[in-house]
Amino acid sequence: MKAIKATPRDFPRIRHTPLAPRFEVGQAVRLIVRPGMSARTGNVYRVSKVLPVTGNNVFQYRIAEDQNGDSAGQERVTTEDNLEAIDVTHQASAATLRDSVFPPGGSS
């Protein structure tokens, strides 16, 4: 019986294309803090740019600290698996409710 030797060119090349990015430019996100990461918890960031996919087929993002709806804060680069989307309209309404119940400067 004769053995058949297959070469790489005998097989079609399979290319794995990543899905669409989970986050869009301008979207509010928060870093998922993991051991060894230096991030301040609770900070809101805005996606300022979607970057190319890494070798692990994970999107990268450039994010900037969100300062009053303006992404003028310090920027950093992170991968998609380190981010979670947040709803800033809910946070804004919660802050408004808090301020109406407990006015800033408060009166005793």
N, C-alpha and C. Protein backbone atom coordinates (compact mmCIF):
# COMPACT_ATOMS: atom_id res chain seq x y z
N MET A 1 0.84 -1.17 0.00
CA MET A 1 0.00 0.00 0.00
C MET A 1 0.89 1.24 0.00
N LYS A 2 0.56 2.20 -0.82
CA LYS A 2 1.36 3.39 -0.98
C LYS A 2 0.79 4.53 -0.11
N ALA A 3 1.66 5.16 0.68
CA ALA A 3 1.25 6.27 1.55
C ALA A 3 1.13 7.55 0.72
N ILE A 4 0.12 8.33 1.03
CA ILE A 4 -0.07 9.61 0.35
C ILE A 4 0.48 10.72 1.23
N LYS A 5 1.33 11.53 0.66
CA LYS A 5 1.92 12.63 1.43
C LYS A 5 1.18 13.92 1.07
N ALA A 6 0.63 14.55 2.08
CA ALA A 6 -0.10 15.80 1.86
C ALA A 6 0.80 16.98 2.23
N THR A 7 0.74 18.00 1.43
CA THR A 7 1.49 19.23 1.70
C THR A 7 0.51 20.34 2.10
N PRO A 8 1.00 21.39 2.77
CA PRO A 8 0.10 22.48 3.18
C PRO A 8 -0.69 23.10 2.03
N ARG A 9 -0.14 23.12 0.84
CA ARG A 9 -0.87 23.74 -0.26
C ARG A 9 -2.02 22.88 -0.76
N ASP A 10 -2.08 21.62 -0.31
CA ASP A 10 -3.19 20.74 -0.68
C ASP A 10 -4.48 21.10 0.06
N PHE A 11 -4.37 21.89 1.13
CA PHE A 11 -5.53 22.24 1.93
C PHE A 11 -5.81 23.73 1.80
N PRO A 12 -7.06 24.10 1.69
CA PRO A 12 -7.36 25.53 1.61
C PRO A 12 -7.02 26.22 2.92
N ARG A 13 -6.55 27.42 2.82
CA ARG A 13 -6.18 28.18 4.01
C ARG A 13 -7.45 28.73 4.67
N ILE A 14 -7.59 28.46 5.93
CA ILE A 14 -8.75 28.93 6.67
C ILE A 14 -8.37 30.22 7.38
N ARG A 15 -9.12 31.25 7.10
CA ARG A 15 -8.88 32.54 7.75
C ARG A 15 -10.03 32.81 8.71
N HIS A 16 -9.68 33.06 9.94
CA HIS A 16 -10.69 33.39 10.93
C HIS A 16 -10.81 34.90 10.98
N THR A 17 -11.96 35.39 10.60
CA THR A 17 -12.18 36.83 10.68
C THR A 17 -12.93 37.13 11.96
N PRO A 18 -12.49 38.13 12.69
CA PRO A 18 -13.16 38.46 13.94
C PRO A 18 -14.55 39.03 13.67
N LEU A 19 -15.40 38.91 14.64
CA LEU A 19 -16.72 39.51 14.54
C LEU A 19 -16.57 41.03 14.64
N ALA A 20 -17.66 41.71 14.57
CA ALA A 20 -17.64 43.17 14.70
C ALA A 20 -17.24 43.55 16.14
N PRO A 21 -16.64 44.71 16.31
CA PRO A 21 -16.28 45.13 17.67
C PRO A 21 -17.52 45.30 18.54
N ARG A 22 -17.39 45.02 19.84
CA ARG A 22 -18.52 45.14 20.77
C ARG A 22 -18.82 46.59 21.13
N PHE A 23 -17.81 47.46 21.06
CA PHE A 23 -17.97 48.84 21.49
C PHE A 23 -17.75 49.79 20.32
N GLU A 24 -18.44 50.92 20.34
CA GLU A 24 -18.33 51.92 19.28
C GLU A 24 -17.61 53.16 19.80
N VAL A 25 -17.09 53.95 18.89
CA VAL A 25 -16.45 55.22 19.26
C VAL A 25 -17.50 56.09 19.94
N GLY A 26 -17.11 56.65 21.09
CA GLY A 26 -18.01 57.52 21.85
C GLY A 26 -18.79 56.80 22.94
N GLN A 27 -18.77 55.48 22.94
CA GLN A 27 -19.52 54.70 23.92
C GLN A 27 -18.84 54.76 25.28
N ALA A 28 -19.64 54.84 26.34
CA ALA A 28 -19.13 54.86 27.71
C ALA A 28 -18.83 53.43 28.16
N VAL A 29 -17.64 53.24 28.73
CA VAL A 29 -17.21 51.92 29.20
C VAL A 29 -16.51 52.06 30.55
N ARG A 30 -16.34 50.93 31.20
CA ARG A 30 -15.60 50.88 32.46
C ARG A 30 -14.61 49.73 32.35
N LEU A 31 -13.43 49.91 32.93
CA LEU A 31 -12.44 48.84 32.95
C LEU A 31 -12.84 47.78 33.95
N ILE A 32 -12.69 46.53 33.57
CA ILE A 32 -12.87 45.43 34.50
C ILE A 32 -11.54 45.27 35.21
N VAL A 33 -11.55 45.52 36.50
CA VAL A 33 -10.29 45.50 37.25
C VAL A 33 -9.95 44.07 37.61
N ARG A 34 -8.75 43.68 37.24
CA ARG A 34 -8.24 42.35 37.53
C ARG A 34 -6.96 42.50 38.33
N PRO A 35 -6.55 41.46 39.04
CA PRO A 35 -5.30 41.54 39.79
C PRO A 35 -4.13 41.91 38.88
N GLY A 36 -3.33 42.85 39.33
CA GLY A 36 -2.17 43.27 38.56
C GLY A 36 -2.44 44.45 37.64
N MET A 37 -3.70 44.86 37.51
CA MET A 37 -4.02 46.02 36.67
C MET A 37 -3.99 47.27 37.52
N SER A 38 -3.48 48.33 36.94
CA SER A 38 -3.47 49.60 37.66
C SER A 38 -4.55 50.50 37.07
N ALA A 39 -5.72 50.41 37.63
CA ALA A 39 -6.83 51.24 37.18
C ALA A 39 -7.63 51.68 38.39
N ARG A 40 -8.14 52.89 38.30
CA ARG A 40 -8.99 53.37 39.38
C ARG A 40 -10.39 52.85 39.12
N THR A 41 -10.92 52.13 40.09
CA THR A 41 -12.25 51.55 39.90
C THR A 41 -13.30 52.65 39.88
N GLY A 42 -14.32 52.44 39.10
CA GLY A 42 -15.41 53.40 39.04
C GLY A 42 -15.22 54.49 38.01
N ASN A 43 -14.05 54.57 37.40
CA ASN A 43 -13.84 55.60 36.38
C ASN A 43 -14.61 55.26 35.13
N VAL A 44 -15.18 56.29 34.53
CA VAL A 44 -15.89 56.13 33.27
C VAL A 44 -14.96 56.57 32.15
N TYR A 45 -14.87 55.75 31.12
CA TYR A 45 -14.04 56.04 29.96
C TYR A 45 -14.94 56.12 28.73
N ARG A 46 -14.47 56.77 27.71
CA ARG A 46 -15.15 56.80 26.41
C ARG A 46 -14.22 56.18 25.39
N VAL A 47 -14.77 55.37 24.51
CA VAL A 47 -13.99 54.78 23.43
C VAL A 47 -13.66 55.90 22.44
N SER A 48 -12.37 56.14 22.21
CA SER A 48 -11.98 57.19 21.28
C SER A 48 -11.54 56.63 19.93
N LYS A 49 -11.19 55.32 19.89
CA LYS A 49 -10.79 54.72 18.63
C LYS A 49 -10.82 53.21 18.75
N VAL A 50 -11.30 52.54 17.69
CA VAL A 50 -11.23 51.08 17.61
C VAL A 50 -9.94 50.75 16.89
N LEU A 51 -9.10 49.93 17.51
CA LEU A 51 -7.79 49.58 16.97
C LEU A 51 -7.84 48.19 16.34
N PRO A 52 -6.78 47.81 15.62
CA PRO A 52 -6.76 46.49 14.98
C PRO A 52 -6.86 45.34 15.98
N VAL A 53 -7.23 44.21 15.45
CA VAL A 53 -7.39 42.99 16.24
C VAL A 53 -6.00 42.46 16.62
N THR A 54 -5.90 41.91 17.83
CA THR A 54 -4.64 41.30 18.28
C THR A 54 -4.48 39.93 17.65
N GLY A 55 -3.37 39.28 17.93
CA GLY A 55 -3.13 37.93 17.42
C GLY A 55 -4.12 36.91 17.93
N ASN A 56 -4.81 37.23 19.03
CA ASN A 56 -5.82 36.33 19.61
C ASN A 56 -7.22 36.63 19.10
N ASN A 57 -7.33 37.41 18.02
CA ASN A 57 -8.62 37.82 17.46
C ASN A 57 -9.47 38.59 18.46
N VAL A 58 -8.84 39.46 19.24
CA VAL A 58 -9.53 40.31 20.20
C VAL A 58 -9.32 41.76 19.78
N PHE A 59 -10.42 42.52 19.70
CA PHE A 59 -10.29 43.93 19.34
C PHE A 59 -9.60 44.71 20.44
N GLN A 60 -8.88 45.75 20.05
CA GLN A 60 -8.25 46.67 20.98
C GLN A 60 -8.96 48.02 20.85
N TYR A 61 -8.94 48.79 21.92
CA TYR A 61 -9.59 50.09 21.92
C TYR A 61 -8.68 51.13 22.57
N ARG A 62 -8.75 52.33 22.06
CA ARG A 62 -8.13 53.48 22.74
C ARG A 62 -9.27 54.13 23.51
N ILE A 63 -9.09 54.27 24.82
CA ILE A 63 -10.12 54.87 25.65
C ILE A 63 -9.54 56.08 26.38
N ALA A 64 -10.41 57.03 26.68
CA ALA A 64 -10.00 58.24 27.39
C ALA A 64 -10.93 58.43 28.58
N GLU A 65 -10.39 58.95 29.69
CA GLU A 65 -11.21 59.22 30.86
C GLU A 65 -12.29 60.21 30.49
N ASP A 66 -13.49 59.93 30.91
CA ASP A 66 -14.63 60.79 30.60
C ASP A 66 -14.76 61.84 31.71
N GLN A 67 -14.60 63.08 31.33
CA GLN A 67 -14.71 64.18 32.29
C GLN A 67 -15.89 65.05 31.89
N ASN A 68 -17.03 64.82 32.57
CA ASN A 68 -18.26 65.57 32.30
C ASN A 68 -18.70 65.45 30.85
N GLY A 69 -18.68 64.24 30.31
CA GLY A 69 -19.12 64.02 28.94
C GLY A 69 -18.10 64.37 27.89
N ASP A 70 -16.92 64.83 28.31
CA ASP A 70 -15.86 65.20 27.38
C ASP A 70 -14.71 64.22 27.56
N SER A 71 -14.27 63.61 26.47
CA SER A 71 -13.19 62.62 26.56
C SER A 71 -11.83 63.30 26.48
N ALA A 72 -11.59 64.26 27.32
CA ALA A 72 -10.34 65.01 27.26
C ALA A 72 -9.31 64.49 28.26
N GLY A 73 -9.64 63.43 28.99
CA GLY A 73 -8.74 62.90 29.99
C GLY A 73 -7.61 62.08 29.39
N GLN A 74 -6.83 61.49 30.27
CA GLN A 74 -5.70 60.67 29.84
C GLN A 74 -6.18 59.45 29.06
N GLU A 75 -5.46 59.10 27.99
CA GLU A 75 -5.84 57.97 27.16
C GLU A 75 -5.01 56.73 27.50
N ARG A 76 -5.59 55.57 27.23
CA ARG A 76 -4.90 54.30 27.39
C ARG A 76 -5.44 53.33 26.36
N VAL A 77 -4.72 52.25 26.14
CA VAL A 77 -5.14 51.22 25.19
C VAL A 77 -5.42 49.95 25.98
N THR A 78 -6.52 49.29 25.64
CA THR A 78 -6.87 48.04 26.30
C THR A 78 -7.60 47.13 25.32
N THR A 79 -7.77 45.89 25.70
CA THR A 79 -8.45 44.93 24.84
C THR A 79 -9.92 44.83 25.23
N GLU A 80 -10.70 44.27 24.31
CA GLU A 80 -12.14 44.16 24.48
C GLU A 80 -12.53 43.39 25.74
N ASP A 81 -11.76 42.37 26.08
CA ASP A 81 -12.10 41.55 27.24
C ASP A 81 -11.86 42.24 28.57
N ASN A 82 -11.25 43.44 28.56
CA ASN A 82 -11.03 44.21 29.78
C ASN A 82 -12.05 45.32 29.96
N LEU A 83 -13.08 45.36 29.09
CA LEU A 83 -14.05 46.45 29.14
C LEU A 83 -15.46 45.93 29.35
N GLU A 84 -16.29 46.78 29.97
CA GLU A 84 -17.71 46.50 30.08
C GLU A 84 -18.46 47.79 29.76
N ALA A 85 -19.57 47.66 29.07
CA ALA A 85 -20.38 48.82 28.72
C ALA A 85 -21.14 49.29 29.95
N ILE A 86 -21.34 50.60 30.04
CA ILE A 86 -22.13 51.15 31.14
C ILE A 86 -23.16 52.11 30.57
N ASP A 87 -24.21 52.32 31.32
CA ASP A 87 -25.28 53.22 30.92
C ASP A 87 -25.13 54.51 31.71
N VAL A 88 -24.59 55.54 31.07
CA VAL A 88 -24.35 56.80 31.79
C VAL A 88 -25.64 57.58 32.02
N THR A 89 -26.69 57.34 31.24
CA THR A 89 -27.95 58.05 31.48
C THR A 89 -28.55 57.60 32.80
N HIS A 90 -28.41 56.30 33.13
CA HIS A 90 -28.90 55.80 34.41
C HIS A 90 -28.11 56.42 35.55
N GLN A 91 -26.78 56.53 35.39
CA GLN A 91 -25.95 57.13 36.43
C GLN A 91 -26.31 58.60 36.62
N ALA A 92 -26.58 59.31 35.52
CA ALA A 92 -26.92 60.73 35.60
C ALA A 92 -28.24 60.90 36.34
N SER A 93 -29.25 60.05 36.05
CA SER A 93 -30.53 60.18 36.73
C SER A 93 -30.40 59.82 38.21
N ALA A 94 -29.53 58.86 38.54
CA ALA A 94 -29.30 58.51 39.94
C ALA A 94 -28.64 59.67 40.68
N ALA A 95 -27.71 60.36 40.02
CA ALA A 95 -27.05 61.52 40.64
C ALA A 95 -28.06 62.64 40.84
N THR A 96 -28.97 62.86 39.89
CA THR A 96 -29.99 63.89 40.02
C THR A 96 -30.92 63.58 41.18
N LEU A 97 -31.33 62.33 41.30
CA LEU A 97 -32.18 61.92 42.41
C LEU A 97 -31.46 62.13 43.74
N ARG A 98 -30.21 61.72 43.81
CA ARG A 98 -29.43 61.89 45.04
C ARG A 98 -29.35 63.35 45.43
N ASP A 99 -29.09 64.22 44.43
CA ASP A 99 -28.95 65.65 44.72
C ASP A 99 -30.28 66.27 45.14
N SER A 100 -31.40 65.72 44.63
CA SER A 100 -32.69 66.27 45.04
C SER A 100 -33.05 65.84 46.45
N VAL A 101 -32.65 64.63 46.86
CA VAL A 101 -32.93 64.16 48.21
C VAL A 101 -31.92 64.73 49.21
N PHE A 102 -30.65 64.73 48.83
CA PHE A 102 -29.58 65.24 49.68
C PHE A 102 -28.89 66.37 48.95
N PRO A 103 -29.38 67.60 49.05
CA PRO A 103 -28.78 68.71 48.30
C PRO A 103 -27.31 68.90 48.64
N PRO A 104 -26.47 69.24 47.64
CA PRO A 104 -25.07 69.51 47.92
C PRO A 104 -24.95 70.69 48.87
N GLY A 105 -24.07 70.60 49.80
CA GLY A 105 -23.89 71.68 50.79
C GLY A 105 -24.85 71.51 51.95
N GLY A 106 -25.94 70.80 51.71
CA GLY A 106 -26.93 70.41 52.73
C GLY A 106 -27.22 71.46 53.78
N SER A 107 -28.40 71.42 54.30
CA SER A 107 -28.76 72.33 55.40
C SER A 107 -29.08 71.47 56.61
N SER A 108 -28.56 71.87 57.76
CA SER A 108 -28.77 71.08 58.97
C SER A 108 -29.87 71.64 59.78
